[in-house]
Structure formats: C-alpha cells, structure tokens
Amino acid sequence: MVLSRGSLLNTRPRITSGSHKNISEIANFMLSESHFPYVLFLEGSNFLTENISITRPDGRVVNLEYNSGILNRLDRLTAANYGMPINSNLCINKFVNHKDKSIMLQAASIYTQG
C-alpha cells in the first residue's frame, strides 16, 4: 500500500504486536505451519488469579478482585486458552485438516504469579 506522499507501508502482518492477540487470528496465520506452540508466562499484580486484600501505609485496606476488568488483564489473555484453567498444562494437541495437511493446534498454557 502506498500513502499519498509516496511512503511505502509495510503490509506484512505483525503477529507479536501484543500478548492479547486474538488466538483465532494467530491460528489462521499458522495454517501454513505444522505445529502451534503457545505458552504465556505472566508476573505482577495485573495478573491475579485469586482475590487479595492489601493494607496501604495509611491503614486503608484495598480489595483486589481477580476477575475485575479494572486491574486485570487476564480477560484478554484467557481468550487464548478458551477460558480453561490458569497455571495448568493445556498442551493437548488438537488437529485441524486444511488442504492436504493435518495441523496441530494447542490452547495457550498461561502461567502466572501475582
């Protein structure tokens, strides 16, 4: 694609643009491959897997809920493992037939500590 000023744009897809990339888009891109390994390792307070309470220095208690969209990024990431359990090995092979190939797909195994 060319802009009006004549600058050439790179139209090549950017697969690793974000960890929350829709798994279906990546799976479609991988149809030309024979395997699909996919594992995420997460760390930090944005990736809670259970509710916790934190006491601030001023004595106020703050409750963090693991399923709150305000603090949690897992809602986007769990689309990659189809809502299956976190901190579990989900490397169960699923096969899709495409043209003359049998392609192995896997749900993302998401590992986190927070």
PDB file of N, CA and C in Angstrom:
ATOM      1  N   MET A   1       0.844  -1.159   0.000  1.00  0.00           N
ATOM      2  CA  MET A   1       0.000   0.000   0.000  1.00  0.00           C
ATOM      3  C   MET A   1       0.897   1.232   0.000  1.00  0.00           C
ATOM      4  N   VAL A   2       0.524   2.275  -0.739  1.00  0.00           N
ATOM      5  CA  VAL A   2       1.312   3.497  -0.834  1.00  0.00           C
ATOM      6  C   VAL A   2       0.470   4.662  -0.322  1.00  0.00           C
ATOM      7  N   LEU A   3       1.050   5.495   0.541  1.00  0.00           N
ATOM      8  CA  LEU A   3       0.379   6.700   1.022  1.00  0.00           C
ATOM      9  C   LEU A   3       0.423   7.776  -0.043  1.00  0.00           C
ATOM     10  N   SER A   4      -0.374   8.826   0.128  1.00  0.00           N
ATOM     11  CA  SER A   4      -0.416   9.894  -0.873  1.00  0.00           C
ATOM     12  C   SER A   4       0.919  10.606  -1.010  1.00  0.00           C
ATOM     13  N   ARG A   5       1.755  10.607   0.016  1.00  0.00           N
ATOM     14  CA  ARG A   5       3.071  11.238  -0.067  1.00  0.00           C
ATOM     15  C   ARG A   5       4.104  10.329  -0.718  1.00  0.00           C
ATOM     16  N   GLY A   6       3.722   9.124  -1.003  1.00  0.00           N
ATOM     17  CA  GLY A   6       4.639   8.217  -1.672  1.00  0.00           C
ATOM     18  C   GLY A   6       5.416   7.305  -0.739  1.00  0.00           C
ATOM     19  N   SER A   7       5.111   7.308   0.559  1.00  0.00           N
ATOM     20  CA  SER A   7       5.809   6.442   1.504  1.00  0.00           C
ATOM     21  C   SER A   7       5.233   5.038   1.421  1.00  0.00           C
ATOM     22  N   LEU A   8       6.097   4.076   1.258  1.00  0.00           N
ATOM     23  CA  LEU A   8       5.671   2.688   1.165  1.00  0.00           C
ATOM     24  C   LEU A   8       5.399   2.140   2.561  1.00  0.00           C
ATOM     25  N   LEU A   9       4.240   1.556   2.750  1.00  0.00           N
ATOM     26  CA  LEU A   9       3.893   0.943   4.028  1.00  0.00           C
ATOM     27  C   LEU A   9       4.188  -0.540   3.979  1.00  0.00           C
ATOM     28  N   ASN A  10       4.677  -1.051   5.073  1.00  0.00           N
ATOM     29  CA  ASN A  10       4.908  -2.487   5.183  1.00  0.00           C
ATOM     30  C   ASN A  10       3.571  -3.149   5.514  1.00  0.00           C
ATOM     31  N   THR A  11       3.046  -3.943   4.607  1.00  0.00           N
ATOM     32  CA  THR A  11       1.739  -4.583   4.811  1.00  0.00           C
ATOM     33  C   THR A  11       1.867  -5.976   5.407  1.00  0.00           C
ATOM     34  N   ARG A  12       3.071  -6.365   5.769  1.00  0.00           N
ATOM     35  CA  ARG A  12       3.283  -7.679   6.376  1.00  0.00           C
ATOM     36  C   ARG A  12       2.620  -7.731   7.759  1.00  0.00           C
ATOM     37  N   PRO A  13       1.917  -8.804   8.095  1.00  0.00           N
ATOM     38  CA  PRO A  13       1.234  -8.866   9.390  1.00  0.00           C
ATOM     39  C   PRO A  13       2.209  -8.866  10.557  1.00  0.00           C
ATOM     40  N   ARG A  14       1.833  -8.219  11.643  1.00  0.00           N
ATOM     41  CA  ARG A  14       2.645  -8.181  12.857  1.00  0.00           C
ATOM     42  C   ARG A  14       2.005  -9.119  13.877  1.00  0.00           C
ATOM     43  N   ILE A  15       2.469 -10.330  13.917  1.00  0.00           N
ATOM     44  CA  ILE A  15       1.865 -11.364  14.744  1.00  0.00           C
ATOM     45  C   ILE A  15       2.104 -11.117  16.232  1.00  0.00           C
ATOM     46  N   THR A  16       3.273 -10.624  16.604  1.00  0.00           N
ATOM     47  CA  THR A  16       3.597 -10.473  18.019  1.00  0.00           C
ATOM     48  C   THR A  16       3.332  -9.067  18.527  1.00  0.00           C
ATOM     49  N   SER A  17       2.361  -8.366  17.975  1.00  0.00           N
ATOM     50  CA  SER A  17       2.106  -6.988  18.382  1.00  0.00           C
ATOM     51  C   SER A  17       1.560  -6.880  19.796  1.00  0.00           C
ATOM     52  N   GLY A  18       1.018  -7.909  20.371  1.00  0.00           N
ATOM     53  CA  GLY A  18       0.523  -7.856  21.740  1.00  0.00           C
ATOM     54  C   GLY A  18       0.187  -9.237  22.246  1.00  0.00           C
ATOM     55  N   SER A  19       0.395  -9.448  23.542  1.00  0.00           N
ATOM     56  CA  SER A  19       0.139 -10.781  24.089  1.00  0.00           C
ATOM     57  C   SER A  19      -1.343 -11.117  24.113  1.00  0.00           C
ATOM     58  N   HIS A  20      -2.191 -10.107  23.960  1.00  0.00           N
ATOM     59  CA  HIS A  20      -3.632 -10.351  23.975  1.00  0.00           C
ATOM     60  C   HIS A  20      -4.184 -10.592  22.572  1.00  0.00           C
ATOM     61  N   LYS A  21      -3.285 -10.830  21.609  1.00  0.00           N
ATOM     62  CA  LYS A  21      -3.711 -11.040  20.225  1.00  0.00           C
ATOM     63  C   LYS A  21      -4.744 -12.161  20.167  1.00  0.00           C
ATOM     64  N   ASN A  22      -5.742 -11.959  19.382  1.00  0.00           N
ATOM     65  CA  ASN A  22      -6.807 -12.951  19.273  1.00  0.00           C
ATOM     66  C   ASN A  22      -6.252 -14.274  18.759  1.00  0.00           C
ATOM     67  N   ILE A  23      -6.512 -15.328  19.491  1.00  0.00           N
ATOM     68  CA  ILE A  23      -5.964 -16.640  19.149  1.00  0.00           C
ATOM     69  C   ILE A  23      -6.423 -17.113  17.785  1.00  0.00           C
ATOM     70  N   SER A  24      -7.601 -16.713  17.360  1.00  0.00           N
ATOM     71  CA  SER A  24      -8.093 -17.131  16.047  1.00  0.00           C
ATOM     72  C   SER A  24      -7.265 -16.525  14.927  1.00  0.00           C
ATOM     73  N   GLU A  25      -6.839 -15.272  15.098  1.00  0.00           N
ATOM     74  CA  GLU A  25      -6.005 -14.641  14.078  1.00  0.00           C
ATOM     75  C   GLU A  25      -4.674 -15.358  13.955  1.00  0.00           C
ATOM     76  N   ILE A  26      -4.075 -15.688  15.097  1.00  0.00           N
ATOM     77  CA  ILE A  26      -2.792 -16.389  15.065  1.00  0.00           C
ATOM     78  C   ILE A  26      -2.973 -17.785  14.485  1.00  0.00           C
ATOM     79  N   ALA A  27      -4.044 -18.454  14.881  1.00  0.00           N
ATOM     80  CA  ALA A  27      -4.296 -19.801  14.355  1.00  0.00           C
ATOM     81  C   ALA A  27      -4.449 -19.769  12.840  1.00  0.00           C
ATOM     82  N   ASN A  28      -5.157 -18.780  12.325  1.00  0.00           N
ATOM     83  CA  ASN A  28      -5.313 -18.670  10.875  1.00  0.00           C
ATOM     84  C   ASN A  28      -3.980 -18.425  10.192  1.00  0.00           C
ATOM     85  N   PHE A  29      -3.128 -17.596  10.802  1.00  0.00           N
ATOM     86  CA  PHE A  29      -1.803 -17.353  10.241  1.00  0.00           C
ATOM     87  C   PHE A  29      -0.976 -18.630  10.242  1.00  0.00           C
ATOM     88  N   MET A  30      -1.137 -19.448  11.291  1.00  0.00           N
ATOM     89  CA  MET A  30      -0.328 -20.649  11.450  1.00  0.00           C
ATOM     90  C   MET A  30      -0.804 -21.818  10.589  1.00  0.00           C
ATOM     91  N   LEU A  31      -1.854 -21.637   9.805  1.00  0.00           N
ATOM     92  CA  LEU A  31      -2.334 -22.743   8.978  1.00  0.00           C
ATOM     93  C   LEU A  31      -1.277 -23.236   7.999  1.00  0.00           C
ATOM     94  N   SER A  32      -0.281 -22.392   7.716  1.00  0.00           N
ATOM     95  CA  SER A  32       0.791 -22.831   6.821  1.00  0.00           C
ATOM     96  C   SER A  32       1.880 -23.594   7.575  1.00  0.00           C
ATOM     97  N   GLU A  33       1.782 -23.647   8.906  1.00  0.00           N
ATOM     98  CA  GLU A  33       2.758 -24.357   9.728  1.00  0.00           C
ATOM     99  C   GLU A  33       2.193 -25.712  10.149  1.00  0.00           C
ATOM    100  N   SER A  34       3.075 -26.599  10.584  1.00  0.00           N
ATOM    101  CA  SER A  34       2.635 -27.928  11.003  1.00  0.00           C
ATOM    102  C   SER A  34       2.441 -28.051  12.506  1.00  0.00           C
ATOM    103  N   HIS A  35       2.814 -27.026  13.261  1.00  0.00           N
ATOM    104  CA  HIS A  35       2.655 -27.063  14.715  1.00  0.00           C
ATOM    105  C   HIS A  35       2.317 -25.668  15.218  1.00  0.00           C
ATOM    106  N   PHE A  36       1.823 -25.590  16.451  1.00  0.00           N
ATOM    107  CA  PHE A  36       1.395 -24.311  17.002  1.00  0.00           C
ATOM    108  C   PHE A  36       1.699 -24.254  18.500  1.00  0.00           C
ATOM    109  N   PRO A  37       2.958 -24.088  18.888  1.00  0.00           N
ATOM    110  CA  PRO A  37       3.280 -23.981  20.314  1.00  0.00           C
ATOM    111  C   PRO A  37       2.898 -22.601  20.832  1.00  0.00           C
ATOM    112  N   TYR A  38       2.331 -22.521  22.034  1.00  0.00           N
ATOM    113  CA  TYR A  38       1.870 -21.243  22.546  1.00  0.00           C
ATOM    114  C   TYR A  38       1.770 -21.300  24.062  1.00  0.00           C
ATOM    115  N   VAL A  39       2.702 -20.636  24.755  1.00  0.00           N
ATOM    116  CA  VAL A  39       2.714 -20.603  26.212  1.00  0.00           C
ATOM    117  C   VAL A  39       2.961 -19.174  26.656  1.00  0.00           C
ATOM    118  N   LEU A  40       2.208 -18.682  27.657  1.00  0.00           N
ATOM    119  CA  LEU A  40       2.408 -17.352  28.222  1.00  0.00           C
ATOM    120  C   LEU A  40       2.859 -17.493  29.666  1.00  0.00           C
ATOM    121  N   PHE A  41       3.882 -16.718  30.047  1.00  0.00           N
ATOM    122  CA  PHE A  41       4.324 -16.650  31.431  1.00  0.00           C
ATOM    123  C   PHE A  41       4.094 -15.224  31.909  1.00  0.00           C
ATOM    124  N   LEU A  42       3.300 -15.045  32.970  1.00  0.00           N
ATOM    125  CA  LEU A  42       2.915 -13.726  33.451  1.00  0.00           C
ATOM    126  C   LEU A  42       3.372 -13.543  34.891  1.00  0.00           C
ATOM    127  N   GLU A  43       3.683 -12.289  35.237  1.00  0.00           N
ATOM    128  CA  GLU A  43       4.063 -11.992  36.606  1.00  0.00           C
ATOM    129  C   GLU A  43       3.648 -10.567  36.922  1.00  0.00           C
ATOM    130  N   GLY A  44       3.111 -10.335  38.105  1.00  0.00           N
ATOM    131  CA  GLY A  44       2.767  -8.982  38.519  1.00  0.00           C
ATOM    132  C   GLY A  44       1.338  -8.867  39.003  1.00  0.00           C
ATOM    133  N   SER A  45       0.993  -7.701  39.533  1.00  0.00           N
ATOM    134  CA  SER A  45      -0.316  -7.501  40.139  1.00  0.00           C
ATOM    135  C   SER A  45      -1.441  -7.427  39.123  1.00  0.00           C
ATOM    136  N   ASN A  46      -1.129  -7.221  37.857  1.00  0.00           N
ATOM    137  CA  ASN A  46      -2.173  -7.177  36.840  1.00  0.00           C
ATOM    138  C   ASN A  46      -2.647  -8.565  36.443  1.00  0.00           C
ATOM    139  N   PHE A  47      -2.062  -9.596  37.000  1.00  0.00           N
ATOM    140  CA  PHE A  47      -2.390 -10.954  36.595  1.00  0.00           C
ATOM    141  C   PHE A  47      -2.785 -11.806  37.797  1.00  0.00           C
ATOM    142  N   LEU A  48      -3.681 -11.288  38.606  1.00  0.00           N
ATOM    143  CA  LEU A  48      -4.146 -12.027  39.779  1.00  0.00           C
ATOM    144  C   LEU A  48      -4.965 -13.238  39.355  1.00  0.00           C
ATOM    145  N   THR A  49      -4.874 -14.298  40.146  1.00  0.00           N
ATOM    146  CA  THR A  49      -5.693 -15.481  39.898  1.00  0.00           C
ATOM    147  C   THR A  49      -6.631 -15.768  41.066  1.00  0.00           C
ATOM    148  N   GLU A  50      -6.580 -14.921  42.105  1.00  0.00           N
ATOM    149  CA  GLU A  50      -7.493 -15.029  43.237  1.00  0.00           C
ATOM    150  C   GLU A  50      -7.631 -13.651  43.875  1.00  0.00           C
ATOM    151  N   ASN A  51      -8.707 -13.443  44.633  1.00  0.00           N
ATOM    152  CA  ASN A  51      -8.917 -12.165  45.317  1.00  0.00           C
ATOM    153  C   ASN A  51      -7.896 -12.002  46.437  1.00  0.00           C
ATOM    154  N   ILE A  52      -7.368 -10.780  46.610  1.00  0.00           N
ATOM    155  CA  ILE A  52      -6.450 -10.492  47.710  1.00  0.00           C
ATOM    156  C   ILE A  52      -6.813  -9.140  48.314  1.00  0.00           C
ATOM    157  N   SER A  53      -6.416  -8.935  49.573  1.00  0.00           N
ATOM    158  CA  SER A  53      -6.587  -7.654  50.258  1.00  0.00           C
ATOM    159  C   SER A  53      -5.213  -7.122  50.620  1.00  0.00           C
ATOM    160  N   ILE A  54      -5.003  -5.843  50.383  1.00  0.00           N
ATOM    161  CA  ILE A  54      -3.717  -5.207  50.652  1.00  0.00           C
ATOM    162  C   ILE A  54      -3.956  -4.040  51.600  1.00  0.00           C
ATOM    163  N   THR A  55      -3.147  -3.951  52.660  1.00  0.00           N
ATOM    164  CA  THR A  55      -3.236  -2.829  53.588  1.00  0.00           C
ATOM    165  C   THR A  55      -2.225  -1.774  53.166  1.00  0.00           C
ATOM    166  N   ARG A  56      -2.724  -0.599  52.871  1.00  0.00           N
ATOM    167  CA  ARG A  56      -1.870   0.515  52.453  1.00  0.00           C
ATOM    168  C   ARG A  56      -1.164   1.109  53.667  1.00  0.00           C
ATOM    169  N   PRO A  57      -0.091   1.880  53.449  1.00  0.00           N
ATOM    170  CA  PRO A  57       0.627   2.500  54.575  1.00  0.00           C
ATOM    171  C   PRO A  57      -0.263   3.385  55.457  1.00  0.00           C
ATOM    172  N   ASP A  58      -1.338   3.961  54.895  1.00  0.00           N
ATOM    173  CA  ASP A  58      -2.232   4.805  55.694  1.00  0.00           C
ATOM    174  C   ASP A  58      -3.272   3.983  56.459  1.00  0.00           C
ATOM    175  N   GLY A  59      -3.203   2.650  56.378  1.00  0.00           N
ATOM    176  CA  GLY A  59      -4.115   1.776  57.104  1.00  0.00           C
ATOM    177  C   GLY A  59      -5.345   1.344  56.323  1.00  0.00           C
ATOM    178  N   ARG A  60      -5.586   1.972  55.192  1.00  0.00           N
ATOM    179  CA  ARG A  60      -6.754   1.620  54.382  1.00  0.00           C
ATOM    180  C   ARG A  60      -6.529   0.263  53.720  1.00  0.00           C
ATOM    181  N   VAL A  61      -7.567  -0.566  53.720  1.00  0.00           N
ATOM    182  CA  VAL A  61      -7.488  -1.886  53.089  1.00  0.00           C
ATOM    183  C   VAL A  61      -8.087  -1.799  51.691  1.00  0.00           C
ATOM    184  N   VAL A  62      -7.335  -2.277  50.706  1.00  0.00           N
ATOM    185  CA  VAL A  62      -7.787  -2.281  49.315  1.00  0.00           C
ATOM    186  C   VAL A  62      -8.004  -3.730  48.900  1.00  0.00           C
ATOM    187  N   ASN A  63      -9.200  -4.023  48.429  1.00  0.00           N
ATOM    188  CA  ASN A  63      -9.518  -5.368  47.945  1.00  0.00           C
ATOM    189  C   ASN A  63      -9.312  -5.419  46.439  1.00  0.00           C
ATOM    190  N   LEU A  64      -8.511  -6.362  45.992  1.00  0.00           N
ATOM    191  CA  LEU A  64      -8.283  -6.571  44.562  1.00  0.00           C
ATOM    192  C   LEU A  64      -8.982  -7.861  44.163  1.00  0.00           C
ATOM    193  N   GLU A  65      -9.864  -7.762  43.199  1.00  0.00           N
ATOM    194  CA  GLU A  65     -10.613  -8.924  42.738  1.00  0.00           C
ATOM    195  C   GLU A  65      -9.999  -9.454  41.455  1.00  0.00           C
ATOM    196  N   TYR A  66      -9.754 -10.747  41.422  1.00  0.00           N
ATOM    197  CA  TYR A  66      -9.071 -11.338  40.276  1.00  0.00           C
ATOM    198  C   TYR A  66      -9.853 -11.187  38.979  1.00  0.00           C
ATOM    199  N   ASN A  67     -11.175 -11.084  39.062  1.00  0.00           N
ATOM    200  CA  ASN A  67     -11.974 -11.009  37.839  1.00  0.00           C
ATOM    201  C   ASN A  67     -12.443  -9.591  37.524  1.00  0.00           C
ATOM    202  N   SER A  68     -11.820  -8.592  38.140  1.00  0.00           N
ATOM    203  CA  SER A  68     -12.170  -7.201  37.877  1.00  0.00           C
ATOM    204  C   SER A  68     -11.463  -6.720  36.616  1.00  0.00           C
ATOM    205  N   GLY A  69     -12.203  -6.133  35.719  1.00  0.00           N
ATOM    206  CA  GLY A  69     -11.614  -5.594  34.498  1.00  0.00           C
ATOM    207  C   GLY A  69     -10.802  -4.344  34.730  1.00  0.00           C
ATOM    208  N   ILE A  70     -10.907  -3.735  35.923  1.00  0.00           N
ATOM    209  CA  ILE A  70     -10.165  -2.507  36.217  1.00  0.00           C
ATOM    210  C   ILE A  70      -8.673  -2.792  36.357  1.00  0.00           C
ATOM    211  N   LEU A  71      -8.317  -3.847  37.081  1.00  0.00           N
ATOM    212  CA  LEU A  71      -6.915  -4.136  37.354  1.00  0.00           C
ATOM    213  C   LEU A  71      -6.367  -5.320  36.584  1.00  0.00           C
ATOM    214  N   ASN A  72      -7.216  -6.090  36.005  1.00  0.00           N
ATOM    215  CA  ASN A  72      -6.814  -7.390  35.498  1.00  0.00           C
ATOM    216  C   ASN A  72      -6.737  -7.416  33.981  1.00  0.00           C
ATOM    217  N   ARG A  73      -5.682  -7.974  33.466  1.00  0.00           N
ATOM    218  CA  ARG A  73      -5.507  -8.119  32.027  1.00  0.00           C
ATOM    219  C   ARG A  73      -5.860  -9.528  31.550  1.00  0.00           C
ATOM    220  N   LEU A  74      -6.183 -10.416  32.481  1.00  0.00           N
ATOM    221  CA  LEU A  74      -6.429 -11.809  32.104  1.00  0.00           C
ATOM    222  C   LEU A  74      -7.649 -11.982  31.222  1.00  0.00           C
ATOM    223  N   ASP A  75      -8.592 -11.040  31.265  1.00  0.00           N
ATOM    224  CA  ASP A  75      -9.776 -11.201  30.436  1.00  0.00           C
ATOM    225  C   ASP A  75      -9.412 -11.267  28.968  1.00  0.00           C
ATOM    226  N   ARG A  76      -8.419 -10.509  28.545  1.00  0.00           N
ATOM    227  CA  ARG A  76      -7.977 -10.564  27.149  1.00  0.00           C
ATOM    228  C   ARG A  76      -7.157 -11.817  26.880  1.00  0.00           C
ATOM    229  N   LEU A  77      -6.305 -12.149  27.838  1.00  0.00           N
ATOM    230  CA  LEU A  77      -5.396 -13.269  27.632  1.00  0.00           C
ATOM    231  C   LEU A  77      -6.095 -14.615  27.663  1.00  0.00           C
ATOM    232  N   THR A  78      -7.136 -14.745  28.473  1.00  0.00           N
ATOM    233  CA  THR A  78      -7.797 -16.044  28.570  1.00  0.00           C
ATOM    234  C   THR A  78      -8.561 -16.406  27.308  1.00  0.00           C
ATOM    235  N   ALA A  79      -8.721 -15.467  26.389  1.00  0.00           N
ATOM    236  CA  ALA A  79      -9.281 -15.830  25.089  1.00  0.00           C
ATOM    237  C   ALA A  79      -8.356 -16.812  24.381  1.00  0.00           C
ATOM    238  N   ALA A  80      -7.063 -16.745  24.694  1.00  0.00           N
ATOM    239  CA  ALA A  80      -6.089 -17.628  24.064  1.00  0.00           C
ATOM    240  C   ALA A  80      -6.162 -19.054  24.584  1.00  0.00           C
ATOM    241  N   ASN A  81      -6.731 -19.240  25.775  1.00  0.00           N
ATOM    242  CA  ASN A  81      -6.855 -20.614  26.265  1.00  0.00           C
ATOM    243  C   ASN A  81      -8.315 -21.019  26.422  1.00  0.00           C
ATOM    244  N   TYR A  82      -9.190 -20.282  25.758  1.00  0.00           N
ATOM    245  CA  TYR A  82     -10.613 -20.621  25.697  1.00  0.00           C
ATOM    246  C   TYR A  82     -11.252 -20.703  27.080  1.00  0.00           C
ATOM    247  N   GLY A  83     -10.755 -19.904  28.043  1.00  0.00           N
ATOM    248  CA  GLY A  83     -11.313 -19.872  29.393  1.00  0.00           C
ATOM    249  C   GLY A  83     -10.973 -21.079  30.245  1.00  0.00           C
ATOM    250  N   MET A  84     -10.006 -21.879  29.824  1.00  0.00           N
ATOM    251  CA  MET A  84      -9.618 -23.052  30.606  1.00  0.00           C
ATOM    252  C   MET A  84      -8.718 -22.626  31.767  1.00  0.00           C
ATOM    253  N   PRO A  85      -8.409 -23.519  32.699  1.00  0.00           N
ATOM    254  CA  PRO A  85      -7.680 -23.137  33.918  1.00  0.00           C
ATOM    255  C   PRO A  85      -6.310 -22.520  33.648  1.00  0.00           C
ATOM    256  N   ILE A  86      -5.938 -21.580  34.541  1.00  0.00           N
ATOM    257  CA  ILE A  86      -4.621 -20.950  34.512  1.00  0.00           C
ATOM    258  C   ILE A  86      -3.694 -21.771  35.402  1.00  0.00           C
ATOM    259  N   ASN A  87      -2.396 -21.681  35.156  1.00  0.00           N
ATOM    260  CA  ASN A  87      -1.372 -22.438  35.874  1.00  0.00           C
ATOM    261  C   ASN A  87      -1.578 -23.941  35.703  1.00  0.00           C
ATOM    262  N   SER A  88      -1.979 -24.319  34.516  1.00  0.00           N
ATOM    263  CA  SER A  88      -2.176 -25.727  34.168  1.00  0.00           C
ATOM    264  C   SER A  88      -1.570 -25.985  32.796  1.00  0.00           C
ATOM    265  N   ASN A  89      -1.056 -27.174  32.615  1.00  0.00           N
ATOM    266  CA  ASN A  89      -0.526 -27.544  31.312  1.00  0.00           C
ATOM    267  C   ASN A  89      -1.696 -27.904  30.401  1.00  0.00           C
ATOM    268  N   LEU A  90      -1.933 -27.061  29.416  1.00  0.00           N
ATOM    269  CA  LEU A  90      -3.045 -27.285  28.486  1.00  0.00           C
ATOM    270  C   LEU A  90      -2.553 -27.772  27.126  1.00  0.00           C
ATOM    271  N   CYS A  91      -1.338 -28.271  27.095  1.00  0.00           N
ATOM    272  CA  CYS A  91      -0.756 -28.689  25.818  1.00  0.00           C
ATOM    273  C   CYS A  91      -1.372 -30.007  25.356  1.00  0.00           C
ATOM    274  N   ILE A  92      -2.648 -29.924  25.058  1.00  0.00           N
ATOM    275  CA  ILE A  92      -3.376 -31.057  24.498  1.00  0.00           C
ATOM    276  C   ILE A  92      -3.504 -30.789  23.009  1.00  0.00           C
ATOM    277  N   ASN A  93      -3.028 -31.684  22.218  1.00  0.00           N
ATOM    278  CA  ASN A  93      -2.998 -31.456  20.780  1.00  0.00           C
ATOM    279  C   ASN A  93      -4.382 -31.598  20.158  1.00  0.00           C
ATOM    280  N   LYS A  94      -4.752 -30.610  19.376  1.00  0.00           N
ATOM    281  CA  LYS A  94      -5.978 -30.647  18.579  1.00  0.00           C
ATOM    282  C   LYS A  94      -5.538 -30.564  17.123  1.00  0.00           C
ATOM    283  N   PHE A  95      -6.152 -31.346  16.278  1.00  0.00           N
ATOM    284  CA  PHE A  95      -5.735 -31.372  14.883  1.00  0.00           C
ATOM    285  C   PHE A  95      -6.828 -30.816  13.982  1.00  0.00           C
ATOM    286  N   VAL A  96      -6.408 -30.003  13.033  1.00  0.00           N
ATOM    287  CA  VAL A  96      -7.303 -29.403  12.047  1.00  0.00           C
ATOM    288  C   VAL A  96      -6.806 -29.827  10.678  1.00  0.00           C
ATOM    289  N   ASN A  97      -7.698 -30.313   9.854  1.00  0.00           N
ATOM    290  CA  ASN A  97      -7.321 -30.666   8.486  1.00  0.00           C
ATOM    291  C   ASN A  97      -7.535 -29.459   7.591  1.00  0.00           C
ATOM    292  N   HIS A  98      -6.477 -29.087   6.869  1.00  0.00           N
ATOM    293  CA  HIS A  98      -6.525 -27.931   5.974  1.00  0.00           C
ATOM    294  C   HIS A  98      -5.790 -28.303   4.692  1.00  0.00           C
ATOM    295  N   LYS A  99      -6.522 -28.283   3.611  1.00  0.00           N
ATOM    296  CA  LYS A  99      -5.970 -28.700   2.318  1.00  0.00           C
ATOM    297  C   LYS A  99      -5.402 -30.100   2.465  1.00  0.00           C
ATOM    298  N   ASP A 100      -4.124 -30.283   2.179  1.00  0.00           N
ATOM    299  CA  ASP A 100      -3.542 -31.622   2.239  1.00  0.00           C
ATOM    300  C   ASP A 100      -2.747 -31.855   3.526  1.00  0.00           C
ATOM    301  N   LYS A 101      -2.931 -30.991   4.548  1.00  0.00           N
ATOM    302  CA  LYS A 101      -2.151 -31.101   5.778  1.00  0.00           C
ATOM    303  C   LYS A 101      -3.056 -31.334   6.981  1.00  0.00           C
ATOM    304  N   SER A 102      -2.501 -31.974   7.978  1.00  0.00           N
ATOM    305  CA  SER A 102      -3.125 -32.066   9.290  1.00  0.00           C
ATOM    306  C   SER A 102      -2.290 -31.188  10.214  1.00  0.00           C
ATOM    307  N   ILE A 103      -2.895 -30.138  10.763  1.00  0.00           N
ATOM    308  CA  ILE A 103      -2.164 -29.131  11.524  1.00  0.00           C
ATOM    309  C   ILE A 103      -2.519 -29.257  12.997  1.00  0.00           C
ATOM    310  N   MET A 104      -1.489 -29.246  13.852  1.00  0.00           N
ATOM    311  CA  MET A 104      -1.699 -29.359  15.283  1.00  0.00           C
ATOM    312  C   MET A 104      -1.893 -27.966  15.889  1.00  0.00           C
ATOM    313  N   LEU A 105      -2.990 -27.766  16.635  1.00  0.00           N
ATOM    314  CA  LEU A 105      -3.243 -26.524  17.359  1.00  0.00           C
ATOM    315  C   LEU A 105      -3.293 -26.827  18.849  1.00  0.00           C
ATOM    316  N   GLN A 106      -2.907 -25.846  19.674  1.00  0.00           N
ATOM    317  CA  GLN A 106      -2.970 -26.012  21.120  1.00  0.00           C
ATOM    318  C   GLN A 106      -3.568 -24.763  21.745  1.00  0.00           C
ATOM    319  N   ALA A 107      -4.299 -24.945  22.837  1.00  0.00           N
ATOM    320  CA  ALA A 107      -4.722 -23.802  23.641  1.00  0.00           C
ATOM    321  C   ALA A 107      -3.496 -23.271  24.367  1.00  0.00           C
ATOM    322  N   ALA A 108      -3.470 -21.969  24.623  1.00  0.00           N
ATOM    323  CA  ALA A 108      -2.340 -21.378  25.338  1.00  0.00           C
ATOM    324  C   ALA A 108      -2.332 -21.858  26.782  1.00  0.00           C
ATOM    325  N   SER A 109      -1.161 -22.259  27.264  1.00  0.00           N
ATOM    326  CA  SER A 109      -0.978 -22.566  28.679  1.00  0.00           C
ATOM    327  C   SER A 109      -0.496 -21.279  29.341  1.00  0.00           C
ATOM    328  N   ILE A 110      -1.296 -20.736  30.249  1.00  0.00           N
ATOM    329  CA  ILE A 110      -0.971 -19.463  30.886  1.00  0.00           C
ATOM    330  C   ILE A 110      -0.503 -19.731  32.306  1.00  0.00           C
ATOM    331  N   TYR A 111       0.711 -19.297  32.614  1.00  0.00           N
ATOM    332  CA  TYR A 111       1.282 -19.454  33.947  1.00  0.00           C
ATOM    333  C   TYR A 111       1.491 -18.077  34.544  1.00  0.00           C
ATOM    334  N   THR A 112       1.044 -17.880  35.791  1.00  0.00           N
ATOM    335  CA  THR A 112       1.143 -16.564  36.410  1.00  0.00           C
ATOM    336  C   THR A 112       1.417 -16.668  37.901  1.00  0.00           C
ATOM    337  N   GLN A 113       2.069 -15.660  38.412  1.00  0.00           N
ATOM    338  CA  GLN A 113       2.169 -15.458  39.857  1.00  0.00           C
ATOM    339  C   GLN A 113       1.998 -13.972  40.077  1.00  0.00           C
ATOM    340  N   GLY A 114       1.270 -13.568  41.090  1.00  0.00           N
ATOM    341  CA  GLY A 114       1.000 -12.151  41.233  1.00  0.00           C
ATOM    342  C   GLY A 114       0.918 -11.669  42.627  1.00  0.00           C
TER     343      GLY A 114
END
